[in-house]
Amino acid sequence: MPVLNRIAAYAEEMKAWRRHLHAHPELAFDCHETAAFIVERLREFGVDEIHEGIAESGVVAIINGRDPGPTIGLRADMDALPIEELTGAEHASTRPGKMHACGHDGHVTMLLGAAKYLAETRRFAGRVALLFQPAEEDGGGGEVMVKQGVMDRFDISRVFGIHNAPGVALGHFQTTPGPMMASVDTATVHVTGKGGHGATPQECVDPVVAVVGMVSAIQTILSRNVHALDEAVISVTQIHAGTASNIIPETAMFCATIRSFRPEVRELLKKRFHEIVQGHAAAYGVTAEIDYDWGYPATVNHADEAEFAASVAASVVGEAAVDANAPREMGSEDFSYMLEARPGAYLFMGTGPGAGLHHPAFDFNDEAAPIGASFFARLVEEAQPA
């Protein structure tokens, strides 16, 4: 796979970084050891500025180019997942119940590889801001960094990120202009009726029957309220009620994940969800409390930046290995907040065969790291030539 020769020479070093990170996963905003490891590497590389403690454990590093110019932002997420690892690898997680099951260890490694190259060569104008972000999986660290003024503080003009893609051919890139990943909202509904003996339902107000009716009716939102050409998903993922076969419970609850691409559709989904739940609550004689968590917005690439990023990827891996109009998907990403704050683009990069994201047998393919690092480095050199 064609990569920058200098970065190819870092391959074994990058593998060691990645496997160290994989063995020491941290969750959400508590990525302090990960940040310390990153900072130690950055100091070895001789970057010009290091700013710590952003969004609790995030790091921003600055590398100055040869000539004056704008600042381009490159982002890598750092956090792991609360999963028990099943890879059996020598570098498997040393922390029970935590593992890098989404490849953020690889994302950090790719950005570190690019940082080492850029600090050494500096064949670009302006500055590079390296954004090492905590809490992508839970907590919205991207939003926190934006709210803490990262884009303005470091005068970032454009921002780019990569996510690994197992199951996609090694080194193949995918992106698209416009919406690329969906918004994600989470609804939790607690229903209260009147419990009692299963043999005398006439003396009870059954919350189980109400929940069944609500869940069935919610599915009509997609088929009868959302335009057929607007993609959206509502998946009820939890239903909990009852303790015994002969007891009608007092309460029941259910949860749903709700995803879409357009703000108007997102608002419609919320409106209809509330109307259906409350309408059914009235019909069944129960009460319903809805906790509707407004989550990450859709990840929307800026057209010019997506086209540019695709052209850079083609310069690294060849045009045949780049899909610049890939289908969008219903997963979500808090890089969306950075794209709301600045023009930019997000890309997927194939890592070849292997377990899927968030699977306990997942492990990032170390052969992909020099490819991603080369993409980041070429992106800077082509965006801001010296």
Protein backbone atom coordinates (compact mmCIF):
# COMPACT_ATOMS: atom_id res chain seq x y z
CA MET A 1 0.00 0.00 0.00
CA PRO A 2 1.58 3.34 -1.01
CA VAL A 3 2.42 5.51 1.99
CA LEU A 4 4.92 8.30 2.55
CA ASN A 5 8.36 6.68 2.78
CA ARG A 6 9.27 8.53 5.97
CA ILE A 7 6.05 7.42 7.67
CA ALA A 8 6.56 3.85 6.44
CA ALA A 9 9.78 3.90 8.45
CA TYR A 10 7.72 4.55 11.60
CA ALA A 11 5.58 1.41 11.16
CA GLU A 12 7.07 -0.65 14.00
CA GLU A 13 7.16 2.34 16.31
CA MET A 14 3.52 3.11 15.54
CA LYS A 15 2.59 -0.51 16.19
CA ALA A 16 4.19 -0.26 19.64
CA TRP A 17 2.30 2.94 20.40
CA ARG A 18 -1.00 1.45 19.30
CA ARG A 19 -0.58 -1.75 21.28
CA HIS A 20 0.38 0.16 24.42
CA LEU A 21 -2.77 2.24 24.06
CA HIS A 22 -4.84 -0.87 23.40
CA ALA A 23 -3.57 -2.50 26.59
CA HIS A 24 -4.44 0.56 28.70
CA PRO A 25 -7.95 1.69 27.72
CA GLU A 26 -9.77 4.54 29.45
CA LEU A 27 -13.41 5.62 29.26
CA ALA A 28 -15.25 8.83 28.46
CA PHE A 29 -13.52 11.96 29.83
CA ASP A 30 -11.18 9.97 32.07
CA CYS A 31 -8.42 9.58 29.49
CA HIS A 32 -5.63 11.10 31.57
CA GLU A 33 -3.09 8.29 31.15
CA THR A 34 -3.78 8.19 27.43
CA ALA A 35 -3.26 11.95 27.28
CA ALA A 36 0.01 11.68 29.22
CA PHE A 37 1.27 9.06 26.75
CA ILE A 38 0.31 11.33 23.83
CA VAL A 39 2.00 14.36 25.40
CA GLU A 40 5.19 12.38 26.00
CA ARG A 41 5.33 11.41 22.32
CA LEU A 42 4.57 14.95 21.17
CA ARG A 43 7.41 16.34 23.26
CA GLU A 44 9.76 13.80 21.71
CA PHE A 45 8.67 14.97 18.25
CA GLY A 46 9.36 18.62 19.08
CA VAL A 47 5.94 20.11 18.39
CA ASP A 48 5.71 23.83 19.08
CA GLU A 49 2.87 23.98 21.61
CA ILE A 50 1.04 21.50 23.82
CA HIS A 51 -2.18 22.42 25.59
CA GLU A 52 -3.53 19.91 28.12
CA GLY A 53 -6.71 19.53 30.16
CA ILE A 54 -9.13 20.55 27.41
CA ALA A 55 -12.50 18.82 27.95
CA GLU A 56 -10.89 17.38 31.12
CA SER A 57 -8.31 15.14 29.45
CA GLY A 58 -8.11 16.35 25.85
CA VAL A 59 -4.91 17.61 24.24
CA VAL A 60 -4.32 20.18 21.52
CA ALA A 61 -0.85 20.41 19.97
CA ILE A 62 0.36 22.99 17.47
CA ILE A 63 2.99 22.48 14.77
CA ASN A 64 4.14 25.56 12.89
CA GLY A 65 4.88 25.38 9.18
CA ARG A 66 7.58 27.17 7.18
CA ASP A 67 5.48 30.15 6.10
CA PRO A 68 2.53 32.15 7.49
CA GLY A 69 -0.91 30.76 6.76
CA PRO A 70 -4.14 29.35 8.24
CA THR A 71 -4.51 26.61 10.83
CA ILE A 72 -5.88 23.22 9.82
CA GLY A 73 -7.32 20.92 12.49
CA LEU A 74 -6.84 17.13 12.57
CA ARG A 75 -8.86 15.17 15.13
CA ALA A 76 -8.46 11.76 16.78
CA ASP A 77 -10.73 10.40 19.51
CA MET A 78 -9.06 8.67 22.47
CA ASP A 79 -11.67 6.84 24.57
CA ALA A 80 -12.46 3.14 24.80
CA LEU A 81 -15.67 1.20 25.54
CA PRO A 82 -17.05 -0.64 28.62
CA ILE A 83 -16.62 -4.10 27.04
CA GLU A 84 -14.79 -7.19 28.25
CA GLU A 85 -12.15 -7.99 25.61
CA LEU A 86 -12.13 -11.40 23.89
CA THR A 87 -9.30 -11.00 21.37
CA GLY A 88 -6.80 -13.16 23.21
CA ALA A 89 -4.04 -10.88 21.89
CA GLU A 90 -0.78 -10.39 23.77
CA HIS A 91 -1.58 -6.68 23.86
CA ALA A 92 -5.16 -7.19 25.08
CA SER A 93 -6.67 -4.86 27.63
CA THR A 94 -5.16 -5.07 31.09
CA ARG A 95 -8.24 -3.38 32.55
CA PRO A 96 -11.27 -5.59 33.18
CA GLY A 97 -14.46 -4.38 31.53
CA LYS A 98 -12.69 -1.85 29.31
CA MET A 99 -11.34 -2.24 25.79
CA HIS A 100 -10.58 -0.35 22.60
CA ALA A 101 -13.38 -1.98 20.63
CA CYS A 102 -13.81 0.92 18.19
CA GLY A 103 -10.22 1.53 17.13
CA HIS A 104 -9.65 4.85 18.83
CA ASP A 105 -6.22 3.51 19.79
CA GLY A 106 -5.55 3.32 16.05
CA HIS A 107 -6.92 6.82 15.47
CA VAL A 108 -4.54 8.26 18.06
CA THR A 109 -1.66 6.32 16.54
CA MET A 110 -2.39 7.62 13.04
CA LEU A 111 -2.44 11.21 14.25
CA LEU A 112 0.75 10.70 16.25
CA GLY A 113 2.44 9.28 13.15
CA ALA A 114 1.39 12.31 11.14
CA ALA A 115 2.54 14.60 13.96
CA LYS A 116 6.01 13.06 14.00
CA TYR A 117 6.35 13.49 10.24
CA LEU A 118 4.97 17.03 10.15
CA ALA A 119 7.13 18.20 13.06
CA GLU A 120 10.19 16.78 11.32
CA THR A 121 9.57 17.95 7.73
CA ARG A 122 7.35 21.07 8.09
CA ARG A 123 6.64 21.13 4.35
CA PHE A 124 3.56 23.28 4.80
CA ALA A 125 2.47 26.84 5.49
CA GLY A 126 0.50 28.05 8.49
CA ARG A 127 -0.12 25.71 11.41
CA VAL A 128 -1.53 22.30 12.22
CA ALA A 129 -3.72 21.83 15.30
CA LEU A 130 -3.72 18.22 16.49
CA LEU A 131 -6.96 17.58 18.39
CA PHE A 132 -6.86 14.56 20.70
CA GLN A 133 -10.43 14.28 21.98
CA PRO A 134 -11.90 12.26 24.88
CA ALA A 135 -15.48 11.01 25.28
CA GLU A 136 -16.63 10.30 21.75
CA GLU A 137 -18.42 7.12 22.82
CA ASP A 138 -20.17 8.70 25.78
CA GLY A 139 -20.31 12.33 26.82
CA GLY A 140 -19.81 14.29 23.63
CA GLY A 141 -16.22 15.38 24.11
CA GLY A 142 -16.28 16.98 20.67
CA GLU A 143 -19.08 19.29 21.74
CA VAL A 144 -17.24 20.15 24.98
CA MET A 145 -14.06 21.03 23.10
CA VAL A 146 -16.01 23.28 20.74
CA LYS A 147 -17.87 24.94 23.63
CA GLN A 148 -14.56 25.55 25.38
CA GLY A 149 -13.52 27.60 22.37
CA VAL A 150 -10.96 25.33 20.72
CA MET A 151 -11.82 26.47 17.19
CA ASP A 152 -11.49 30.17 18.04
CA ARG A 153 -8.63 29.84 20.51
CA PHE A 154 -6.41 28.12 17.96
CA ASP A 155 -7.88 29.95 14.94
CA ILE A 156 -8.76 26.68 13.17
CA SER A 157 -10.09 27.28 9.67
CA ARG A 158 -10.88 23.69 8.58
CA VAL A 159 -11.08 20.37 10.40
CA PHE A 160 -10.79 16.73 9.31
CA GLY A 161 -11.09 13.30 10.89
CA ILE A 162 -10.88 9.59 10.02
CA HIS A 163 -12.63 6.52 11.39
CA ASN A 164 -11.39 3.00 10.76
CA ALA A 165 -13.74 0.64 8.93
CA PRO A 166 -13.31 -3.12 9.47
CA GLY A 167 -14.72 -5.16 6.64
CA VAL A 168 -13.68 -2.55 4.07
CA ALA A 169 -10.57 -3.34 2.02
CA LEU A 170 -7.36 -2.20 3.69
CA GLY A 171 -6.54 1.40 2.77
CA HIS A 172 -9.79 2.07 0.88
CA PHE A 173 -11.36 5.42 1.77
CA GLN A 174 -15.04 6.36 1.83
CA THR A 175 -16.63 9.77 2.22
CA THR A 176 -19.45 11.83 0.78
CA PRO A 177 -20.53 15.48 0.59
CA GLY A 178 -23.40 16.44 2.86
CA PRO A 179 -24.87 14.17 5.54
CA MET A 180 -22.64 11.17 6.20
CA MET A 181 -23.77 9.88 9.61
CA ALA A 182 -27.08 10.29 11.40
CA SER A 183 -28.10 12.26 14.44
CA VAL A 184 -28.85 10.12 17.49
CA ASP A 185 -31.47 10.75 20.14
CA THR A 186 -32.47 8.42 22.97
CA ALA A 187 -35.93 8.17 24.49
CA THR A 188 -36.66 6.45 27.80
CA VAL A 189 -40.32 6.05 28.76
CA HIS A 190 -41.55 5.11 32.24
CA VAL A 191 -45.19 3.99 32.34
CA THR A 192 -47.17 3.74 35.58
CA GLY A 193 -50.46 1.91 35.96
CA LYS A 194 -52.01 -0.03 38.82
CA GLY A 195 -50.59 -3.40 39.67
CA GLY A 196 -52.36 -6.45 41.01
CA HIS A 197 -53.12 -10.12 40.54
CA GLY A 198 -52.85 -11.51 37.02
CA ALA A 199 -56.16 -13.32 37.57
CA THR A 200 -58.07 -10.05 38.09
CA PRO A 201 -56.93 -7.65 35.36
CA GLN A 202 -60.23 -5.76 35.64
CA GLU A 203 -59.03 -4.45 38.99
CA CYS A 204 -55.70 -3.26 37.53
CA VAL A 205 -54.42 -0.72 35.01
CA ASP A 206 -51.93 -2.77 33.02
CA PRO A 207 -48.77 -0.86 31.99
CA VAL A 208 -47.54 -3.83 29.93
CA VAL A 209 -50.46 -3.62 27.51
CA ALA A 210 -49.92 0.14 27.25
CA VAL A 211 -46.22 -0.28 26.44
CA VAL A 212 -46.98 -2.88 23.78
CA GLY A 213 -49.43 -0.48 22.17
CA MET A 214 -46.97 2.42 22.32
CA VAL A 215 -44.12 0.41 20.81
CA SER A 216 -46.29 -0.85 17.95
CA ALA A 217 -47.68 2.61 17.18
CA ILE A 218 -44.27 4.27 17.29
CA GLN A 219 -43.24 2.24 14.24
CA THR A 220 -45.95 3.99 12.21
CA ILE A 221 -44.02 7.26 12.50
CA LEU A 222 -41.59 6.05 9.85
CA SER A 223 -44.20 4.56 7.54
CA ARG A 224 -46.86 7.27 7.85
CA ASN A 225 -45.24 10.53 8.98
CA VAL A 226 -41.75 10.60 7.49
CA HIS A 227 -41.37 11.17 3.75
CA ALA A 228 -40.39 7.97 1.98
CA LEU A 229 -37.18 9.59 0.68
CA ASP A 230 -36.03 10.75 4.14
CA GLU A 231 -34.01 8.07 5.92
CA ALA A 232 -34.81 7.60 9.59
CA VAL A 233 -34.68 4.80 12.16
CA ILE A 234 -36.54 4.21 15.41
CA SER A 235 -35.45 1.05 17.21
CA VAL A 236 -36.94 0.08 20.54
CA THR A 237 -34.02 -1.63 22.23
CA GLN A 238 -35.25 -2.29 25.77
CA ILE A 239 -38.55 -3.26 27.41
CA HIS A 240 -38.63 -4.02 31.13
CA ALA A 241 -41.65 -4.97 33.23
CA GLY A 242 -42.85 -7.44 35.80
CA THR A 243 -41.41 -9.92 38.27
CA ALA A 244 -43.67 -12.97 38.10
CA SER A 245 -46.12 -14.75 35.79
CA ASN A 246 -49.16 -14.08 37.99
CA ILE A 247 -48.54 -10.40 38.82
CA ILE A 248 -49.59 -7.42 36.75
CA PRO A 249 -46.81 -4.90 37.50
CA GLU A 250 -47.30 -1.35 38.65
CA THR A 251 -44.73 0.02 36.19
CA ALA A 252 -43.05 -0.74 32.88
CA MET A 253 -40.46 1.03 30.78
CA PHE A 254 -38.94 1.02 27.33
CA CYS A 255 -36.06 2.70 25.53
CA ALA A 256 -35.56 3.66 21.89
CA THR A 257 -32.74 4.97 19.73
CA ILE A 258 -33.92 7.52 17.16
CA ARG A 259 -31.82 8.51 14.15
CA SER A 260 -32.17 10.78 11.14
CA PHE A 261 -30.22 13.16 8.90
CA ARG A 262 -32.28 16.34 8.47
CA PRO A 263 -33.15 18.71 11.35
CA GLU A 264 -36.77 18.92 10.21
CA VAL A 265 -37.13 15.15 10.31
CA ARG A 266 -35.44 15.03 13.70
CA GLU A 267 -37.98 17.50 15.09
CA LEU A 268 -40.86 15.56 13.53
CA LEU A 269 -39.70 12.30 15.09
CA LYS A 270 -39.58 13.90 18.54
CA LYS A 271 -43.00 15.51 18.14
CA ARG A 272 -44.73 12.34 16.96
CA PHE A 273 -42.99 10.20 19.57
CA HIS A 274 -44.39 12.38 22.36
CA GLU A 275 -47.86 12.55 20.79
CA ILE A 276 -48.11 8.77 20.37
CA VAL A 277 -46.83 7.93 23.84
CA GLN A 278 -49.05 10.45 25.61
CA GLY A 279 -52.05 9.58 23.43
CA HIS A 280 -51.71 5.90 24.25
CA ALA A 281 -51.18 6.70 27.91
CA ALA A 282 -54.53 8.49 27.96
CA ALA A 283 -56.22 5.69 26.03
CA TYR A 284 -54.94 2.99 28.39
CA GLY A 285 -55.41 5.00 31.58
CA VAL A 286 -51.74 5.04 32.56
CA THR A 287 -49.25 7.86 33.04
CA ALA A 288 -46.10 8.14 30.98
CA GLU A 289 -42.94 10.09 31.71
CA ILE A 290 -40.65 10.64 28.71
CA ASP A 291 -36.95 11.40 29.02
CA TYR A 292 -35.99 12.43 25.47
CA ASP A 293 -32.22 12.93 25.29
CA TRP A 294 -31.24 15.16 22.37
CA GLY A 295 -27.93 13.55 21.33
CA TYR A 296 -25.28 14.07 18.67
CA PRO A 297 -26.40 15.93 15.53
CA ALA A 298 -25.92 14.48 12.07
CA THR A 299 -22.35 14.44 10.79
CA VAL A 300 -22.54 16.68 7.73
CA ASN A 301 -19.49 17.03 5.48
CA HIS A 302 -18.89 20.30 3.69
CA ALA A 303 -18.90 19.62 -0.05
CA ASP A 304 -15.62 21.35 -0.96
CA GLU A 305 -13.74 19.78 1.94
CA ALA A 306 -15.13 16.30 1.21
CA GLU A 307 -14.05 16.59 -2.42
CA PHE A 308 -10.62 17.83 -1.37
CA ALA A 309 -10.15 15.07 1.21
CA ALA A 310 -11.13 12.44 -1.34
CA SER A 311 -8.56 13.82 -3.79
CA VAL A 312 -5.86 13.68 -1.10
CA ALA A 313 -6.81 10.10 -0.25
CA ALA A 314 -6.52 9.23 -3.95
CA SER A 315 -3.02 10.70 -4.01
CA VAL A 316 -2.08 8.27 -1.22
CA VAL A 317 -3.91 5.07 -2.17
CA GLY A 318 -4.98 5.63 -5.79
CA GLU A 319 -8.32 6.73 -7.25
CA ALA A 320 -9.64 3.17 -7.46
CA ALA A 321 -9.44 2.86 -3.68
CA VAL A 322 -11.50 6.00 -2.95
CA ASP A 323 -15.30 6.26 -2.99
CA ALA A 324 -16.09 9.97 -2.87
CA ASN A 325 -19.87 9.40 -2.92
CA ALA A 326 -20.26 6.57 -0.43
CA PRO A 327 -23.69 5.77 1.02
CA ARG A 328 -24.44 7.51 4.30
CA GLU A 329 -25.08 5.42 7.39
CA MET A 330 -27.22 5.52 10.52
CA GLY A 331 -24.33 5.44 13.00
CA SER A 332 -23.44 8.69 14.77
CA GLU A 333 -20.30 10.68 15.63
CA ASP A 334 -19.59 13.68 17.85
CA PHE A 335 -17.17 14.99 15.23
CA SER A 336 -20.46 16.46 14.01
CA TYR A 337 -20.03 19.32 16.50
CA MET A 338 -16.67 20.25 14.99
CA LEU A 339 -18.22 20.20 11.50
CA GLU A 340 -20.96 22.52 12.75
CA ALA A 341 -18.26 24.91 13.99
CA ARG A 342 -15.93 24.79 10.97
CA PRO A 343 -15.84 23.54 7.37
CA GLY A 344 -14.37 20.07 7.11
CA ALA A 345 -14.93 16.43 6.30
CA TYR A 346 -15.00 13.00 7.89
CA LEU A 347 -13.82 9.84 6.15
CA PHE A 348 -13.85 6.10 6.74
CA MET A 349 -10.67 4.13 6.04
CA GLY A 350 -10.79 0.39 5.51
CA THR A 351 -8.78 -1.87 7.79
CA GLY A 352 -9.55 -5.17 6.05
CA PRO A 353 -11.21 -8.32 7.43
CA GLY A 354 -11.91 -8.64 11.13
CA ALA A 355 -14.50 -8.33 13.86
CA GLY A 356 -16.79 -5.34 13.61
CA LEU A 357 -16.76 -2.15 15.67
CA HIS A 358 -17.93 -2.51 19.29
CA HIS A 359 -17.39 -6.28 19.17
CA PRO A 360 -15.34 -7.85 22.01
CA ALA A 361 -13.07 -9.56 19.45
CA PHE A 362 -12.28 -6.34 17.55
CA ASP A 363 -8.65 -5.28 17.16
CA PHE A 364 -7.34 -2.43 15.01
CA ASN A 365 -5.19 -3.59 12.06
CA ASP A 366 -1.72 -2.09 12.60
CA GLU A 367 -1.04 -2.18 8.85
CA ALA A 368 -3.60 0.61 8.46
CA ALA A 369 -1.85 3.11 10.74
CA PRO A 370 0.85 4.29 8.27
CA ILE A 371 -1.84 4.74 5.61
CA GLY A 372 -3.97 6.95 7.83
CA ALA A 373 -0.92 8.90 9.01
CA SER A 374 0.12 9.45 5.38
CA PHE A 375 -3.36 10.73 4.56
CA PHE A 376 -3.26 13.24 7.42
CA ALA A 377 0.23 14.41 6.45
CA ARG A 378 -0.58 14.80 2.74
CA LEU A 379 -3.82 16.58 3.66
CA VAL A 380 -1.82 19.27 5.45
CA GLU A 381 0.82 19.58 2.73
CA GLU A 382 -1.78 19.89 -0.04
CA ALA A 383 -4.18 22.14 1.89
CA GLN A 384 -1.43 24.56 2.94
CA PRO A 385 1.58 24.20 0.64
CA ALA A 386 4.74 25.96 1.70
